PDB file of N, CA and C in Angstrom:
ATOM      1  N   MET A   1      -4.571  16.440  12.519  1.00  0.00           N
ATOM      2  CA  MET A   1      -4.935  17.137  11.295  1.00  0.00           C
ATOM      3  C   MET A   1      -6.220  17.927  11.651  1.00  0.00           C
ATOM      4  N   THR A   2      -6.232  19.161  11.226  1.00  0.00           N
ATOM      5  CA  THR A   2      -7.386  19.920  11.463  1.00  0.00           C
ATOM      6  C   THR A   2      -8.511  19.829  10.592  1.00  0.00           C
ATOM      7  N   THR A   3      -9.672  20.280  10.924  1.00  0.00           N
ATOM      8  CA  THR A   3     -10.791  20.043   9.876  1.00  0.00           C
ATOM      9  C   THR A   3     -10.757  21.086   8.754  1.00  0.00           C
ATOM     10  N   ASP A   4     -10.002  22.155   8.961  1.00  0.00           N
ATOM     11  CA  ASP A   4      -9.886  23.193   7.894  1.00  0.00           C
ATOM     12  C   ASP A   4      -8.680  22.884   6.893  1.00  0.00           C
ATOM     13  N   SER A   5      -8.079  21.685   7.001  1.00  0.00           N
ATOM     14  CA  SER A   5      -6.984  21.460   6.173  1.00  0.00           C
ATOM     15  C   SER A   5      -7.461  21.271   4.659  1.00  0.00           C
ATOM     16  N   PRO A   6      -6.636  21.776   3.785  1.00  0.00           N
ATOM     17  CA  PRO A   6      -7.012  21.632   2.312  1.00  0.00           C
ATOM     18  C   PRO A   6      -6.959  20.184   1.846  1.00  0.00           C
ATOM     19  N   LEU A   7      -6.159  19.328   2.402  1.00  0.00           N
ATOM     20  CA  LEU A   7      -6.008  17.916   2.071  1.00  0.00           C
ATOM     21  C   LEU A   7      -7.232  17.125   2.624  1.00  0.00           C
ATOM     22  N   LYS A   8      -7.924  16.652   1.699  1.00  0.00           N
ATOM     23  CA  LYS A   8      -9.124  15.851   2.049  1.00  0.00           C
ATOM     24  C   LYS A   8      -8.812  14.290   1.955  1.00  0.00           C
ATOM     25  N   ILE A   9      -8.565  13.649   3.004  1.00  0.00           N
ATOM     26  CA  ILE A   9      -8.329  12.216   3.071  1.00  0.00           C
ATOM     27  C   ILE A   9      -9.642  11.481   3.352  1.00  0.00           C
ATOM     28  N   GLN A  10      -9.771  10.389   2.661  1.00  0.00           N
ATOM     29  CA  GLN A  10     -11.020   9.548   2.888  1.00  0.00           C
ATOM     30  C   GLN A  10     -11.084   9.215   4.302  1.00  0.00           C
ATOM     31  N   PRO A  11     -12.178   9.445   4.961  1.00  0.00           N
ATOM     32  CA  PRO A  11     -12.350   8.948   6.341  1.00  0.00           C
ATOM     33  C   PRO A  11     -12.292   7.502   6.473  1.00  0.00           C
ATOM     34  N   LEU A  12     -11.561   7.055   7.526  1.00  0.00           N
ATOM     35  CA  LEU A  12     -11.462   5.611   7.806  1.00  0.00           C
ATOM     36  C   LEU A  12     -12.343   5.075   8.847  1.00  0.00           C
ATOM     37  N   GLU A  13     -13.253   5.912   9.284  1.00  0.00           N
ATOM     38  CA  GLU A  13     -14.234   5.421  10.364  1.00  0.00           C
ATOM     39  C   GLU A  13     -15.120   4.295   9.938  1.00  0.00           C
ATOM     40  N   LYS A  14     -15.333   4.240   8.590  1.00  0.00           N
ATOM     41  CA  LYS A  14     -16.194   3.087   8.080  1.00  0.00           C
ATOM     42  C   LYS A  14     -15.607   1.727   8.213  1.00  0.00           C
ATOM     43  N   TYR A  15     -14.307   1.676   8.515  1.00  0.00           N
ATOM     44  CA  TYR A  15     -13.600   0.465   8.571  1.00  0.00           C
ATOM     45  C   TYR A  15     -13.421  -0.020  10.085  1.00  0.00           C
ATOM     46  N   HIS A  16     -13.305  -1.290  10.299  1.00  0.00           N
ATOM     47  CA  HIS A  16     -12.965  -1.796  11.556  1.00  0.00           C
ATOM     48  C   HIS A  16     -11.592  -1.430  12.026  1.00  0.00           C
ATOM     49  N   ALA A  17     -11.229  -1.735  13.242  1.00  0.00           N
ATOM     50  CA  ALA A  17      -9.951  -1.402  13.826  1.00  0.00           C
ATOM     51  C   ALA A  17      -8.774  -2.091  13.019  1.00  0.00           C
ATOM     52  N   THR A  18      -9.039  -3.222  12.427  1.00  0.00           N
ATOM     53  CA  THR A  18      -8.055  -3.865  11.577  1.00  0.00           C
ATOM     54  C   THR A  18      -8.756  -3.944  10.167  1.00  0.00           C
ATOM     55  N   MET A  19      -7.848  -3.810   9.217  1.00  0.00           N
ATOM     56  CA  MET A  19      -8.298  -3.776   7.796  1.00  0.00           C
ATOM     57  C   MET A  19      -7.595  -4.767   7.073  1.00  0.00           C
ATOM     58  N   THR A  20      -8.263  -5.327   6.041  1.00  0.00           N
ATOM     59  CA  THR A  20      -7.662  -6.321   5.012  1.00  0.00           C
ATOM     60  C   THR A  20      -6.975  -5.604   3.965  1.00  0.00           C
ATOM     61  N   LYS A  21      -6.291  -6.291   3.181  1.00  0.00           N
ATOM     62  CA  LYS A  21      -5.573  -5.602   2.044  1.00  0.00           C
ATOM     63  C   LYS A  21      -6.469  -4.985   1.082  1.00  0.00           C
ATOM     64  N   GLU A  22      -7.673  -5.504   0.910  1.00  0.00           N
ATOM     65  CA  GLU A  22      -8.697  -4.883  -0.017  1.00  0.00           C
ATOM     66  C   GLU A  22      -9.148  -3.581   0.597  1.00  0.00           C
ATOM     67  N   GLU A  23      -9.325  -3.441   1.883  1.00  0.00           N
ATOM     68  CA  GLU A  23      -9.773  -2.219   2.542  1.00  0.00           C
ATOM     69  C   GLU A  23      -8.568  -1.183   2.540  1.00  0.00           C
ATOM     70  N   VAL A  24      -7.470  -1.638   2.778  1.00  0.00           N
ATOM     71  CA  VAL A  24      -6.241  -0.695   2.652  1.00  0.00           C
ATOM     72  C   VAL A  24      -6.095  -0.160   1.304  1.00  0.00           C
ATOM     73  N   ALA A  25      -6.266  -1.032   0.291  1.00  0.00           N
ATOM     74  CA  ALA A  25      -6.191  -0.627  -1.071  1.00  0.00           C
ATOM     75  C   ALA A  25      -7.237   0.469  -1.439  1.00  0.00           C
ATOM     76  N   GLU A  26      -8.467   0.232  -1.018  1.00  0.00           N
ATOM     77  CA  GLU A  26      -9.555   1.190  -1.170  1.00  0.00           C
ATOM     78  C   GLU A  26      -9.214   2.597  -0.461  1.00  0.00           C
ATOM     79  N   ALA A  27      -8.712   2.480   0.705  1.00  0.00           N
ATOM     80  CA  ALA A  27      -8.341   3.694   1.430  1.00  0.00           C
ATOM     81  C   ALA A  27      -7.330   4.491   0.829  1.00  0.00           C
ATOM     82  N   LEU A  28      -6.324   3.745   0.249  1.00  0.00           N
ATOM     83  CA  LEU A  28      -5.168   4.391  -0.477  1.00  0.00           C
ATOM     84  C   LEU A  28      -5.591   4.881  -1.853  1.00  0.00           C
ATOM     85  N   GLY A  29      -6.587   4.293  -2.433  1.00  0.00           N
ATOM     86  CA  GLY A  29      -6.990   4.539  -3.813  1.00  0.00           C
ATOM     87  C   GLY A  29      -6.068   3.911  -4.777  1.00  0.00           C
ATOM     88  N   VAL A  30      -5.573   2.688  -4.502  1.00  0.00           N
ATOM     89  CA  VAL A  30      -4.788   1.918  -5.414  1.00  0.00           C
ATOM     90  C   VAL A  30      -5.390   0.537  -5.610  1.00  0.00           C
ATOM     91  N   ALA A  31      -4.887  -0.190  -6.512  1.00  0.00           N
ATOM     92  CA  ALA A  31      -5.365  -1.555  -6.800  1.00  0.00           C
ATOM     93  C   ALA A  31      -4.954  -2.508  -5.634  1.00  0.00           C
ATOM     94  N   THR A  32      -5.692  -3.518  -5.470  1.00  0.00           N
ATOM     95  CA  THR A  32      -5.402  -4.491  -4.419  1.00  0.00           C
ATOM     96  C   THR A  32      -4.029  -5.201  -4.626  1.00  0.00           C
ATOM     97  N   HIS A  33      -3.692  -5.402  -5.936  1.00  0.00           N
ATOM     98  CA  HIS A  33      -2.421  -6.101  -6.126  1.00  0.00           C
ATOM     99  C   HIS A  33      -1.151  -5.291  -5.897  1.00  0.00           C
ATOM    100  N   ASN A  34      -1.396  -3.924  -5.564  1.00  0.00           N
ATOM    101  CA  ASN A  34      -0.210  -3.137  -5.196  1.00  0.00           C
ATOM    102  C   ASN A  34       0.064  -3.174  -3.700  1.00  0.00           C
ATOM    103  N   ILE A  35      -0.701  -3.832  -2.951  1.00  0.00           N
ATOM    104  CA  ILE A  35      -0.504  -3.877  -1.501  1.00  0.00           C
ATOM    105  C   ILE A  35       0.635  -4.748  -1.050  1.00  0.00           C
ATOM    106  N   PRO A  36       0.744  -5.969  -1.579  1.00  0.00           N
ATOM    107  CA  PRO A  36       1.959  -6.780  -1.246  1.00  0.00           C
ATOM    108  C   PRO A  36       3.278  -6.105  -1.491  1.00  0.00           C
ATOM    109  N   PRO A  37       3.524  -5.442  -2.668  1.00  0.00           N
ATOM    110  CA  PRO A  37       4.788  -4.698  -2.794  1.00  0.00           C
ATOM    111  C   PRO A  37       5.023  -3.618  -1.758  1.00  0.00           C
ATOM    112  N   LEU A  38       3.990  -2.962  -1.391  1.00  0.00           N
ATOM    113  CA  LEU A  38       4.122  -1.915  -0.257  1.00  0.00           C
ATOM    114  C   LEU A  38       4.472  -2.642   0.975  1.00  0.00           C
ATOM    115  N   SER A  39       3.988  -3.735   1.274  1.00  0.00           N
ATOM    116  CA  SER A  39       4.284  -4.511   2.510  1.00  0.00           C
ATOM    117  C   SER A  39       5.771  -4.951   2.471  1.00  0.00           C
ATOM    118  N   ARG A  40       6.159  -5.440   1.258  1.00  0.00           N
ATOM    119  CA  ARG A  40       7.600  -5.819   1.117  1.00  0.00           C
ATOM    120  C   ARG A  40       8.570  -4.721   1.268  1.00  0.00           C
ATOM    121  N   ALA A  41       8.171  -3.524   0.822  1.00  0.00           N
ATOM    122  CA  ALA A  41       8.952  -2.309   0.936  1.00  0.00           C
ATOM    123  C   ALA A  41       8.916  -1.784   2.361  1.00  0.00           C
ATOM    124  N   GLY A  42       8.162  -2.268   3.249  1.00  0.00           N
ATOM    125  CA  GLY A  42       8.137  -1.893   4.592  1.00  0.00           C
ATOM    126  C   GLY A  42       7.298  -0.620   4.878  1.00  0.00           C
ATOM    127  N   LEU A  43       6.490  -0.188   3.823  1.00  0.00           N
ATOM    128  CA  LEU A  43       5.633   1.038   4.066  1.00  0.00           C
ATOM    129  C   LEU A  43       4.352   0.693   4.785  1.00  0.00           C
ATOM    130  N   ILE A  44       3.850  -0.431   4.745  1.00  0.00           N
ATOM    131  CA  ILE A  44       2.791  -0.867   5.497  1.00  0.00           C
ATOM    132  C   ILE A  44       3.086  -2.194   6.152  1.00  0.00           C
ATOM    133  N   LYS A  45       2.765  -2.384   7.372  1.00  0.00           N
ATOM    134  CA  LYS A  45       3.166  -3.570   8.131  1.00  0.00           C
ATOM    135  C   LYS A  45       2.010  -4.299   8.595  1.00  0.00           C
ATOM    136  N   PRO A  46       1.807  -5.545   8.402  1.00  0.00           N
ATOM    137  CA  PRO A  46       0.644  -6.350   8.903  1.00  0.00           C
ATOM    138  C   PRO A  46       0.870  -6.566  10.366  1.00  0.00           C
ATOM    139  N   LEU A  47      -0.246  -6.676  11.057  1.00  0.00           N
ATOM    140  CA  LEU A  47      -0.333  -6.852  12.530  1.00  0.00           C
ATOM    141  C   LEU A  47       0.097  -8.244  12.864  1.00  0.00           C
ATOM    142  N   GLY A  48       0.724  -8.450  14.021  1.00  0.00           N
ATOM    143  CA  GLY A  48       1.194  -9.744  14.331  1.00  0.00           C
ATOM    144  C   GLY A  48       2.331 -10.269  13.469  1.00  0.00           C
ATOM    145  N   HIS A  49       2.414 -11.565  13.324  1.00  0.00           N
ATOM    146  CA  HIS A  49       3.430 -12.200  12.503  1.00  0.00           C
ATOM    147  C   HIS A  49       2.785 -13.277  11.702  1.00  0.00           C
ATOM    148  N   PRO A  50       2.065 -12.765  10.628  1.00  0.00           N
ATOM    149  CA  PRO A  50       1.308 -13.726   9.799  1.00  0.00           C
ATOM    150  C   PRO A  50       2.270 -14.600   8.891  1.00  0.00           C
ATOM    151  N   GLN A  51       1.807 -15.813   8.725  1.00  0.00           N
ATOM    152  CA  GLN A  51       2.565 -16.708   7.752  1.00  0.00           C
ATOM    153  C   GLN A  51       2.387 -16.223   6.362  1.00  0.00           C
ATOM    154  N   LYS A  52       3.150 -16.841   5.372  1.00  0.00           N
ATOM    155  CA  LYS A  52       3.179 -16.294   4.013  1.00  0.00           C
ATOM    156  C   LYS A  52       1.731 -16.248   3.286  1.00  0.00           C
ATOM    157  N   TYR A  53       0.945 -17.283   3.567  1.00  0.00           N
ATOM    158  CA  TYR A  53      -0.285 -17.338   2.851  1.00  0.00           C
ATOM    159  C   TYR A  53      -1.469 -16.980   3.730  1.00  0.00           C
ATOM    160  N   CYS A  54      -1.219 -16.512   4.883  1.00  0.00           N
ATOM    161  CA  CYS A  54      -2.370 -16.068   5.832  1.00  0.00           C
ATOM    162  C   CYS A  54      -3.007 -14.646   5.322  1.00  0.00           C
ATOM    163  N   VAL A  55      -4.194 -14.473   5.758  1.00  0.00           N
ATOM    164  CA  VAL A  55      -4.829 -13.229   5.485  1.00  0.00           C
ATOM    165  C   VAL A  55      -4.172 -12.189   6.358  1.00  0.00           C
ATOM    166  N   LYS A  56      -3.643 -11.101   5.876  1.00  0.00           N
ATOM    167  CA  LYS A  56      -2.940 -10.093   6.638  1.00  0.00           C
ATOM    168  C   LYS A  56      -3.855  -9.020   7.071  1.00  0.00           C
ATOM    169  N   ARG A  57      -3.802  -8.537   8.296  1.00  0.00           N
ATOM    170  CA  ARG A  57      -4.593  -7.442   8.851  1.00  0.00           C
ATOM    171  C   ARG A  57      -3.676  -6.288   9.170  1.00  0.00           C
ATOM    172  N   TYR A  58      -4.182  -5.035   8.884  1.00  0.00           N
ATOM    173  CA  TYR A  58      -3.469  -3.854   9.000  1.00  0.00           C
ATOM    174  C   TYR A  58      -4.203  -2.923  10.038  1.00  0.00           C
ATOM    175  N   SER A  59      -3.534  -2.093  10.752  1.00  0.00           N
ATOM    176  CA  SER A  59      -4.119  -1.235  11.747  1.00  0.00           C
ATOM    177  C   SER A  59      -4.689   0.063  10.965  1.00  0.00           C
ATOM    178  N   ARG A  60      -5.965   0.263  11.352  1.00  0.00           N
ATOM    179  CA  ARG A  60      -6.649   1.443  10.713  1.00  0.00           C
ATOM    180  C   ARG A  60      -5.948   2.748  11.280  1.00  0.00           C
ATOM    181  N   ASP A  61      -5.771   2.721  12.592  1.00  0.00           N
ATOM    182  CA  ASP A  61      -5.248   4.007  13.188  1.00  0.00           C
ATOM    183  C   ASP A  61      -3.850   4.334  12.683  1.00  0.00           C
ATOM    184  N   LEU A  62      -2.986   3.317  12.544  1.00  0.00           N
ATOM    185  CA  LEU A  62      -1.636   3.619  11.974  1.00  0.00           C
ATOM    186  C   LEU A  62      -1.767   3.997  10.521  1.00  0.00           C
ATOM    187  N   LEU A  63      -2.684   3.451   9.791  1.00  0.00           N
ATOM    188  CA  LEU A  63      -2.849   3.906   8.419  1.00  0.00           C
ATOM    189  C   LEU A  63      -3.308   5.317   8.309  1.00  0.00           C
ATOM    190  N   ALA A  64      -4.141   5.722   9.184  1.00  0.00           N
ATOM    191  CA  ALA A  64      -4.728   7.150   9.277  1.00  0.00           C
ATOM    192  C   ALA A  64      -3.588   8.052   9.470  1.00  0.00           C
ATOM    193  N   GLN A  65      -2.678   7.721  10.405  1.00  0.00           N
ATOM    194  CA  GLN A  65      -1.530   8.637  10.715  1.00  0.00           C
ATOM    195  C   GLN A  65      -0.598   8.681   9.543  1.00  0.00           C
ATOM    196  N   GLN A  66      -0.451   7.570   8.830  1.00  0.00           N
ATOM    197  CA  GLN A  66       0.534   7.603   7.603  1.00  0.00           C
ATOM    198  C   GLN A  66      -0.101   8.337   6.541  1.00  0.00           C
ATOM    199  N   LEU A  67      -1.456   8.273   6.373  1.00  0.00           N
ATOM    200  CA  LEU A  67      -2.081   9.027   5.229  1.00  0.00           C
ATOM    201  C   LEU A  67      -1.885  10.520   5.383  1.00  0.00           C
ATOM    202  N   ALA A  68      -1.736  11.020   6.622  1.00  0.00           N
ATOM    203  CA  ALA A  68      -1.508  12.420   6.837  1.00  0.00           C
ATOM    204  C   ALA A  68      -0.092  12.891   6.535  1.00  0.00           C
ATOM    205  N   ASP A  69       0.721  11.981   6.311  1.00  0.00           N
ATOM    206  CA  ASP A  69       2.168  12.304   6.047  1.00  0.00           C
ATOM    207  C   ASP A  69       2.449  12.315   4.568  1.00  0.00           C
ATOM    208  N   VAL A  70       2.752  13.413   3.993  1.00  0.00           N
ATOM    209  CA  VAL A  70       2.909  13.631   2.534  1.00  0.00           C
ATOM    210  C   VAL A  70       4.208  12.826   2.133  1.00  0.00           C
ATOM    211  N   ASN A  71       5.253  12.819   2.975  1.00  0.00           N
ATOM    212  CA  ASN A  71       6.470  12.102   2.605  1.00  0.00           C
ATOM    213  C   ASN A  71       6.186  10.630   2.575  1.00  0.00           C
ATOM    214  N   TRP A  72       5.355  10.084   3.462  1.00  0.00           N
ATOM    215  CA  TRP A  72       5.038   8.672   3.416  1.00  0.00           C
ATOM    216  C   TRP A  72       4.269   8.376   2.057  1.00  0.00           C
ATOM    217  N   LEU A  73       3.306   9.226   1.668  1.00  0.00           N
ATOM    218  CA  LEU A  73       2.586   9.027   0.461  1.00  0.00           C
ATOM    219  C   LEU A  73       3.486   9.040  -0.794  1.00  0.00           C
ATOM    220  N   ASP A  74       4.476  10.001  -0.769  1.00  0.00           N
ATOM    221  CA  ASP A  74       5.507  10.023  -1.754  1.00  0.00           C
ATOM    222  C   ASP A  74       6.272   8.684  -1.877  1.00  0.00           C
ATOM    223  N   LYS A  75       6.573   8.132  -0.797  1.00  0.00           N
ATOM    224  CA  LYS A  75       7.349   6.846  -0.765  1.00  0.00           C
ATOM    225  C   LYS A  75       6.411   5.718  -1.300  1.00  0.00           C
ATOM    226  N   VAL A  76       5.197   5.761  -0.990  1.00  0.00           N
ATOM    227  CA  VAL A  76       4.143   4.734  -1.445  1.00  0.00           C
ATOM    228  C   VAL A  76       4.109   4.811  -2.975  1.00  0.00           C
ATOM    229  N   VAL A  77       3.988   6.011  -3.532  1.00  0.00           N
ATOM    230  CA  VAL A  77       3.840   6.080  -4.979  1.00  0.00           C
ATOM    231  C   VAL A  77       5.170   5.641  -5.627  1.00  0.00           C
ATOM    232  N   ALA A  78       6.291   6.028  -5.074  1.00  0.00           N
ATOM    233  CA  ALA A  78       7.610   5.610  -5.602  1.00  0.00           C
ATOM    234  C   ALA A  78       7.786   4.096  -5.585  1.00  0.00           C
ATOM    235  N   ALA A  79       7.318   3.461  -4.509  1.00  0.00           N
ATOM    236  CA  ALA A  79       7.456   2.028  -4.384  1.00  0.00           C
ATOM    237  C   ALA A  79       6.520   1.248  -5.452  1.00  0.00           C
ATOM    238  N   ILE A  80       5.331   1.800  -5.682  1.00  0.00           N
ATOM    239  CA  ILE A  80       4.464   1.238  -6.650  1.00  0.00           C
ATOM    240  C   ILE A  80       5.160   1.319  -8.059  1.00  0.00           C
ATOM    241  N   HIS A  81       5.659   2.532  -8.329  1.00  0.00           N
ATOM    242  CA  HIS A  81       6.300   2.733  -9.669  1.00  0.00           C
ATOM    243  C   HIS A  81       7.484   1.810  -9.816  1.00  0.00           C
ATOM    244  N   ARG A  82       8.299   1.718  -8.661  1.00  0.00           N
ATOM    245  CA  ARG A  82       9.479   0.996  -8.825  1.00  0.00           C
ATOM    246  C   ARG A  82       9.162  -0.534  -9.065  1.00  0.00           C
ATOM    247  N   HIS A  83       8.119  -0.996  -8.291  1.00  0.00           N
ATOM    248  CA  HIS A  83       7.662  -2.426  -8.437  1.00  0.00           C
ATOM    249  C   HIS A  83       7.316  -2.607  -9.978  1.00  0.00           C
ATOM    250  N   TRP A  84       6.521  -1.858 -10.532  1.00  0.00           N
ATOM    251  CA  TRP A  84       6.091  -2.206 -11.923  1.00  0.00           C
ATOM    252  C   TRP A  84       7.151  -1.965 -12.963  1.00  0.00           C
ATOM    253  N   ARG A  85       8.039  -0.944 -12.656  1.00  0.00           N
ATOM    254  CA  ARG A  85       9.244  -0.788 -13.528  1.00  0.00           C
ATOM    255  C   ARG A  85      10.125  -1.999 -13.513  1.00  0.00           C
ATOM    256  N   ASN A  86      10.306  -2.537 -12.387  1.00  0.00           N
ATOM    257  CA  ASN A  86      11.216  -3.799 -12.273  1.00  0.00           C
ATOM    258  C   ASN A  86      10.510  -4.988 -12.901  1.00  0.00           C
ATOM    259  N   LYS A  87       9.157  -5.067 -12.581  1.00  0.00           N
ATOM    260  CA  LYS A  87       8.452  -6.250 -13.188  1.00  0.00           C
ATOM    261  C   LYS A  87       8.456  -6.172 -14.740  1.00  0.00           C
ATOM    262  N   ASN A  88       8.152  -5.072 -15.244  1.00  0.00           N
ATOM    263  CA  ASN A  88       8.174  -4.853 -16.738  1.00  0.00           C
ATOM    264  C   ASN A  88       9.556  -5.070 -17.276  1.00  0.00           C
ATOM    265  N   ALA A  89      10.600  -4.648 -16.642  1.00  0.00           N
ATOM    266  CA  ALA A  89      11.875  -4.952 -17.133  1.00  0.00           C
ATOM    267  C   ALA A  89      12.241  -6.357 -17.098  1.00  0.00           C
ATOM    268  N   ARG A  90      11.876  -7.174 -16.158  1.00  0.00           N
ATOM    269  CA  ARG A  90      12.036  -8.577 -16.190  1.00  0.00           C
ATOM    270  C   ARG A  90      11.306  -9.253 -17.279  1.00  0.00           C
ATOM    271  N   LYS A  91      10.113  -8.743 -17.573  1.00  0.00           N
ATOM    272  CA  LYS A  91       9.358  -9.311 -18.604  1.00  0.00           C
ATOM    273  C   LYS A  91       9.978  -9.067 -19.997  1.00  0.00           C
ATOM    274  N   ARG A  92      10.424  -7.816 -20.171  1.00  0.00           N
ATOM    275  CA  ARG A  92      11.110  -7.510 -21.459  1.00  0.00           C
ATOM    276  C   ARG A  92      12.389  -8.316 -21.599  1.00  0.00           C
ATOM    277  N   ALA A  93      13.143  -8.532 -20.545  1.00  0.00           N
ATOM    278  CA  ALA A  93      14.351  -9.364 -20.588  1.00  0.00           C
ATOM    279  C   ALA A  93      14.121 -10.806 -20.997  1.00  0.00           C
ATOM    280  N   ARG A  94      12.984 -11.322 -20.437  1.00  0.00           N
ATOM    281  CA  ARG A  94      12.576 -12.713 -20.801  1.00  0.00           C
ATOM    282  C   ARG A  94      12.260 -12.697 -22.315  1.00  0.00           C
ATOM    283  N   GLN A  95      11.481 -11.816 -22.775  1.00  0.00           N
ATOM    284  CA  GLN A  95      11.077 -11.803 -24.201  1.00  0.00           C
ATOM    285  C   GLN A  95      12.303 -11.626 -25.145  1.00  0.00           C
ATOM    286  N   PHE A  96      13.249 -10.786 -24.690  1.00  0.00           N
ATOM    287  CA  PHE A  96      14.472 -10.599 -25.466  1.00  0.00           C
ATOM    288  C   PHE A  96      15.309 -11.956 -25.562  1.00  0.00           C
ATOM    289  N   GLN A  97      15.316 -12.677 -24.467  1.00  0.00           N
ATOM    290  CA  GLN A  97      16.103 -13.920 -24.408  1.00  0.00           C
ATOM    291  C   GLN A  97      15.557 -14.920 -25.324  1.00  0.00           C
ATOM    292  N   THR A  98      14.199 -15.107 -25.367  1.00  0.00           N
ATOM    293  CA  THR A  98      13.570 -16.121 -26.111  1.00  0.00           C
ATOM    294  C   THR A  98      13.540 -15.710 -27.654  1.00  0.00           C
ATOM    295  N   ALA A  99      13.701 -14.516 -27.955  1.00  0.00           N
ATOM    296  CA  ALA A  99      13.654 -14.021 -29.364  1.00  0.00           C
ATOM    297  C   ALA A  99      14.825 -14.313 -30.065  1.00  0.00           C
TER     298      ALA A  99
END
């Protein structure tokens, strides 16, 4: 990406080579609770093979490459919307069953 590009992406130099989900969320400009659905959708992948409850670390360089891709950003936004649409639909279904 050139320096004269109209798209201004937050520089990732302030982060270490590996990033936590909080740092990834800050770089993407989304809430921290949106990172696990993105990981389940395969849009961001933790390094190594962490267990379910381990702290997951993500590659800063890979994230920087992905941030430059508009198609990837579109998939991220769509995955977040899809996650919350499904979650709210399940909530409404439970409320309807109990009523």
